Amino acid sequence: MTDTETDLSAMSFEAALHELETLVARLESGELSLDESIRFYARGEALRAHCEARLKDAQMRIEKIVQPSGSGPVGTAAFSVD
């Protein structure tokens, strides 16, 4: 993580996920001070929420593509984010 943390709204899903994985690895290493751990945890939570929002947005766009307005599903099943 840099001193000038990237604005989440400008981050792609892949970039946010990569940063989140890096933060988790650093937290799991046990080498951080308590204050650093808290700061990393807060950033990680923001990244998790950003990734979740990006996935939900992608799900809605996919459902919109396969389900034309005013009609039922066209042989599709709901997308599940597990």
N, C-alpha and C. Protein backbone atom coordinates (compact mmCIF):
# COMPACT_ATOMS: atom_id res chain seq x y z
N MET A 1 0.85 -1.17 0.00
CA MET A 1 0.00 0.00 0.00
C MET A 1 0.89 1.22 0.00
N THR A 2 0.57 2.21 -0.80
CA THR A 2 1.37 3.41 -0.88
C THR A 2 0.80 4.50 -0.01
N ASP A 3 1.57 5.58 0.16
CA ASP A 3 1.09 6.70 0.94
C ASP A 3 -0.11 7.36 0.28
N THR A 4 -0.13 7.35 -1.02
CA THR A 4 -1.26 7.93 -1.76
C THR A 4 -2.13 6.80 -2.26
N GLU A 5 -3.00 6.31 -1.40
CA GLU A 5 -3.85 5.18 -1.75
C GLU A 5 -4.76 5.56 -2.91
N THR A 6 -4.88 4.65 -3.84
CA THR A 6 -5.71 4.86 -5.02
C THR A 6 -7.17 5.02 -4.61
N ASP A 7 -7.83 6.00 -5.23
CA ASP A 7 -9.25 6.21 -5.00
C ASP A 7 -10.00 4.97 -5.48
N LEU A 8 -10.83 4.42 -4.62
CA LEU A 8 -11.54 3.19 -4.97
C LEU A 8 -12.42 3.32 -6.19
N SER A 9 -13.07 4.45 -6.36
CA SER A 9 -13.99 4.59 -7.49
C SER A 9 -13.26 4.50 -8.83
N ALA A 10 -11.95 4.75 -8.83
CA ALA A 10 -11.18 4.69 -10.07
C ALA A 10 -10.54 3.32 -10.28
N MET A 11 -10.65 2.43 -9.29
CA MET A 11 -9.98 1.13 -9.38
C MET A 11 -10.83 0.10 -10.11
N SER A 12 -10.17 -0.70 -10.92
CA SER A 12 -10.85 -1.82 -11.55
C SER A 12 -11.04 -2.91 -10.49
N PHE A 13 -11.91 -3.85 -10.79
CA PHE A 13 -12.12 -4.98 -9.89
C PHE A 13 -10.81 -5.72 -9.67
N GLU A 14 -10.09 -5.97 -10.75
CA GLU A 14 -8.85 -6.74 -10.67
C GLU A 14 -7.79 -6.03 -9.82
N ALA A 15 -7.67 -4.72 -9.97
CA ALA A 15 -6.69 -3.96 -9.18
C ALA A 15 -7.07 -3.97 -7.70
N ALA A 16 -8.36 -3.81 -7.42
CA ALA A 16 -8.82 -3.81 -6.02
C ALA A 16 -8.61 -5.19 -5.40
N LEU A 17 -8.90 -6.24 -6.14
CA LEU A 17 -8.72 -7.59 -5.63
C LEU A 17 -7.24 -7.87 -5.36
N HIS A 18 -6.38 -7.44 -6.26
CA HIS A 18 -4.94 -7.64 -6.07
C HIS A 18 -4.46 -6.91 -4.81
N GLU A 19 -4.89 -5.67 -4.63
CA GLU A 19 -4.49 -4.93 -3.42
C GLU A 19 -5.03 -5.61 -2.18
N LEU A 20 -6.26 -6.09 -2.24
CA LEU A 20 -6.85 -6.79 -1.10
C LEU A 20 -6.05 -8.04 -0.76
N GLU A 21 -5.67 -8.81 -1.75
CA GLU A 21 -4.86 -10.01 -1.51
C GLU A 21 -3.52 -9.66 -0.87
N THR A 22 -2.92 -8.56 -1.32
CA THR A 22 -1.66 -8.10 -0.76
C THR A 22 -1.83 -7.70 0.70
N LEU A 23 -2.92 -6.98 1.00
CA LEU A 23 -3.19 -6.57 2.38
C LEU A 23 -3.39 -7.77 3.29
N VAL A 24 -4.14 -8.74 2.82
CA VAL A 24 -4.40 -9.94 3.62
C VAL A 24 -3.09 -10.67 3.92
N ALA A 25 -2.23 -10.78 2.93
CA ALA A 25 -0.94 -11.44 3.14
C ALA A 25 -0.11 -10.69 4.18
N ARG A 26 -0.11 -9.38 4.12
CA ARG A 26 0.65 -8.58 5.09
C ARG A 26 0.05 -8.74 6.49
N LEU A 27 -1.28 -8.73 6.59
CA LEU A 27 -1.92 -8.90 7.90
C LEU A 27 -1.62 -10.28 8.47
N GLU A 28 -1.66 -11.29 7.61
CA GLU A 28 -1.40 -12.66 8.07
C GLU A 28 0.06 -12.89 8.47
N SER A 29 0.95 -12.05 7.97
CA SER A 29 2.37 -12.21 8.29
C SER A 29 2.67 -11.93 9.75
N GLY A 30 1.83 -11.13 10.40
CA GLY A 30 2.04 -10.80 11.80
C GLY A 30 3.15 -9.80 12.03
N GLU A 31 3.65 -9.17 10.99
CA GLU A 31 4.77 -8.25 11.11
C GLU A 31 4.35 -6.79 11.27
N LEU A 32 3.06 -6.51 11.28
CA LEU A 32 2.57 -5.14 11.36
C LEU A 32 2.31 -4.73 12.80
N SER A 33 2.47 -3.44 13.06
CA SER A 33 2.10 -2.93 14.37
C SER A 33 0.58 -2.91 14.47
N LEU A 34 0.08 -2.69 15.66
CA LEU A 34 -1.37 -2.64 15.86
C LEU A 34 -1.99 -1.53 15.02
N ASP A 35 -1.39 -0.34 15.02
CA ASP A 35 -1.94 0.77 14.24
C ASP A 35 -1.92 0.46 12.74
N GLU A 36 -0.84 -0.14 12.26
CA GLU A 36 -0.78 -0.51 10.85
C GLU A 36 -1.83 -1.57 10.53
N SER A 37 -1.99 -2.52 11.42
CA SER A 37 -2.98 -3.58 11.21
C SER A 37 -4.39 -3.00 11.11
N ILE A 38 -4.70 -2.07 11.97
CA ILE A 38 -6.02 -1.43 11.94
C ILE A 38 -6.21 -0.66 10.64
N ARG A 39 -5.18 0.06 10.21
CA ARG A 39 -5.25 0.82 8.96
C ARG A 39 -5.40 -0.12 7.77
N PHE A 40 -4.64 -1.20 7.75
CA PHE A 40 -4.74 -2.18 6.67
C PHE A 40 -6.11 -2.85 6.66
N TYR A 41 -6.63 -3.17 7.85
CA TYR A 41 -7.93 -3.81 7.95
C TYR A 41 -9.02 -2.89 7.40
N ALA A 42 -8.96 -1.60 7.76
CA ALA A 42 -9.96 -0.64 7.27
C ALA A 42 -9.89 -0.52 5.75
N ARG A 43 -8.69 -0.46 5.21
CA ARG A 43 -8.53 -0.38 3.76
C ARG A 43 -9.04 -1.67 3.11
N GLY A 44 -8.75 -2.80 3.72
CA GLY A 44 -9.21 -4.07 3.20
C GLY A 44 -10.73 -4.16 3.17
N GLU A 45 -11.36 -3.66 4.19
CA GLU A 45 -12.83 -3.67 4.24
C GLU A 45 -13.40 -2.79 3.12
N ALA A 46 -12.78 -1.65 2.88
CA ALA A 46 -13.24 -0.77 1.80
C ALA A 46 -13.03 -1.45 0.44
N LEU A 47 -11.90 -2.13 0.28
CA LEU A 47 -11.65 -2.86 -0.97
C LEU A 47 -12.64 -4.00 -1.16
N ARG A 48 -12.95 -4.73 -0.09
CA ARG A 48 -13.93 -5.81 -0.18
C ARG A 48 -15.28 -5.29 -0.62
N ALA A 49 -15.71 -4.18 -0.03
CA ALA A 49 -17.00 -3.59 -0.39
C ALA A 49 -16.99 -3.12 -1.85
N HIS A 50 -15.88 -2.56 -2.29
CA HIS A 50 -15.75 -2.11 -3.67
C HIS A 50 -15.85 -3.30 -4.64
N CYS A 51 -15.14 -4.37 -4.33
CA CYS A 51 -15.20 -5.57 -5.17
C CYS A 51 -16.60 -6.14 -5.22
N GLU A 52 -17.26 -6.20 -4.08
CA GLU A 52 -18.63 -6.72 -4.03
C GLU A 52 -19.56 -5.85 -4.88
N ALA A 53 -19.41 -4.54 -4.80
CA ALA A 53 -20.26 -3.64 -5.58
C ALA A 53 -19.99 -3.81 -7.08
N ARG A 54 -18.73 -3.98 -7.46
CA ARG A 54 -18.40 -4.18 -8.87
C ARG A 54 -18.99 -5.49 -9.38
N LEU A 55 -18.96 -6.55 -8.56
CA LEU A 55 -19.55 -7.83 -8.95
C LEU A 55 -21.06 -7.72 -9.11
N LYS A 56 -21.72 -7.03 -8.19
CA LYS A 56 -23.17 -6.85 -8.28
C LYS A 56 -23.54 -6.06 -9.53
N ASP A 57 -22.74 -5.04 -9.84
CA ASP A 57 -22.98 -4.25 -11.04
C ASP A 57 -22.84 -5.13 -12.29
N ALA A 58 -21.81 -5.95 -12.31
CA ALA A 58 -21.61 -6.85 -13.44
C ALA A 58 -22.78 -7.83 -13.57
N GLN A 59 -23.25 -8.34 -12.44
CA GLN A 59 -24.38 -9.26 -12.45
C GLN A 59 -25.61 -8.59 -13.04
N MET A 60 -25.89 -7.36 -12.63
CA MET A 60 -27.06 -6.65 -13.15
C MET A 60 -26.93 -6.39 -14.65
N ARG A 61 -25.73 -6.06 -15.10
CA ARG A 61 -25.54 -5.82 -16.54
C ARG A 61 -25.73 -7.10 -17.33
N ILE A 62 -25.24 -8.22 -16.82
CA ILE A 62 -25.41 -9.51 -17.50
C ILE A 62 -26.89 -9.87 -17.57
N GLU A 63 -27.60 -9.71 -16.46
CA GLU A 63 -29.02 -10.03 -16.45
C GLU A 63 -29.80 -9.13 -17.40
N LYS A 64 -29.37 -7.88 -17.53
CA LYS A 64 -30.04 -6.95 -18.44
C LYS A 64 -29.81 -7.38 -19.90
N ILE A 65 -28.63 -7.89 -20.18
CA ILE A 65 -28.32 -8.33 -21.55
C ILE A 65 -29.16 -9.55 -21.93
N VAL A 66 -29.27 -10.51 -21.02
CA VAL A 66 -29.96 -11.76 -21.36
C VAL A 66 -31.46 -11.71 -21.11
N GLN A 67 -31.95 -10.63 -20.51
CA GLN A 67 -33.38 -10.50 -20.25
C GLN A 67 -33.87 -9.20 -20.86
N PRO A 68 -34.32 -9.22 -22.11
CA PRO A 68 -34.81 -8.01 -22.76
C PRO A 68 -35.96 -7.40 -21.95
N SER A 69 -36.07 -6.08 -21.97
CA SER A 69 -37.11 -5.41 -21.20
C SER A 69 -38.49 -5.85 -21.65
N GLY A 70 -39.38 -6.01 -20.68
CA GLY A 70 -40.75 -6.36 -20.97
C GLY A 70 -41.00 -7.83 -21.25
N SER A 71 -39.99 -8.66 -21.10
CA SER A 71 -40.20 -10.10 -21.32
C SER A 71 -39.54 -10.89 -20.20
N GLY A 72 -39.85 -12.15 -20.16
CA GLY A 72 -39.27 -13.03 -19.16
C GLY A 72 -37.86 -13.44 -19.55
N PRO A 73 -37.24 -14.21 -18.70
CA PRO A 73 -35.89 -14.69 -18.99
C PRO A 73 -35.84 -15.48 -20.30
N VAL A 74 -34.71 -15.40 -20.95
CA VAL A 74 -34.53 -16.08 -22.23
C VAL A 74 -33.61 -17.27 -22.00
N GLY A 75 -34.11 -18.30 -21.33
CA GLY A 75 -33.33 -19.51 -21.11
C GLY A 75 -32.08 -19.30 -20.26
N THR A 76 -32.19 -18.46 -19.26
CA THR A 76 -31.04 -18.20 -18.39
C THR A 76 -31.40 -18.47 -16.95
N ALA A 77 -30.38 -18.58 -16.15
CA ALA A 77 -30.56 -18.72 -14.69
C ALA A 77 -29.90 -17.53 -14.03
N ALA A 78 -30.38 -17.18 -12.86
CA ALA A 78 -29.81 -16.06 -12.12
C ALA A 78 -28.34 -16.32 -11.84
N PHE A 79 -27.54 -15.29 -11.89
CA PHE A 79 -26.11 -15.37 -11.60
C PHE A 79 -25.91 -15.33 -10.11
N SER A 80 -25.12 -16.23 -9.58
CA SER A 80 -24.89 -16.30 -8.14
C SER A 80 -23.46 -15.92 -7.83
N VAL A 81 -23.28 -14.98 -6.88
CA VAL A 81 -21.95 -14.57 -6.43
C VAL A 81 -21.69 -15.22 -5.08
N ASP A 82 -20.97 -16.35 -5.10
CA ASP A 82 -20.70 -17.07 -3.85
C ASP A 82 -19.28 -16.91 -3.46
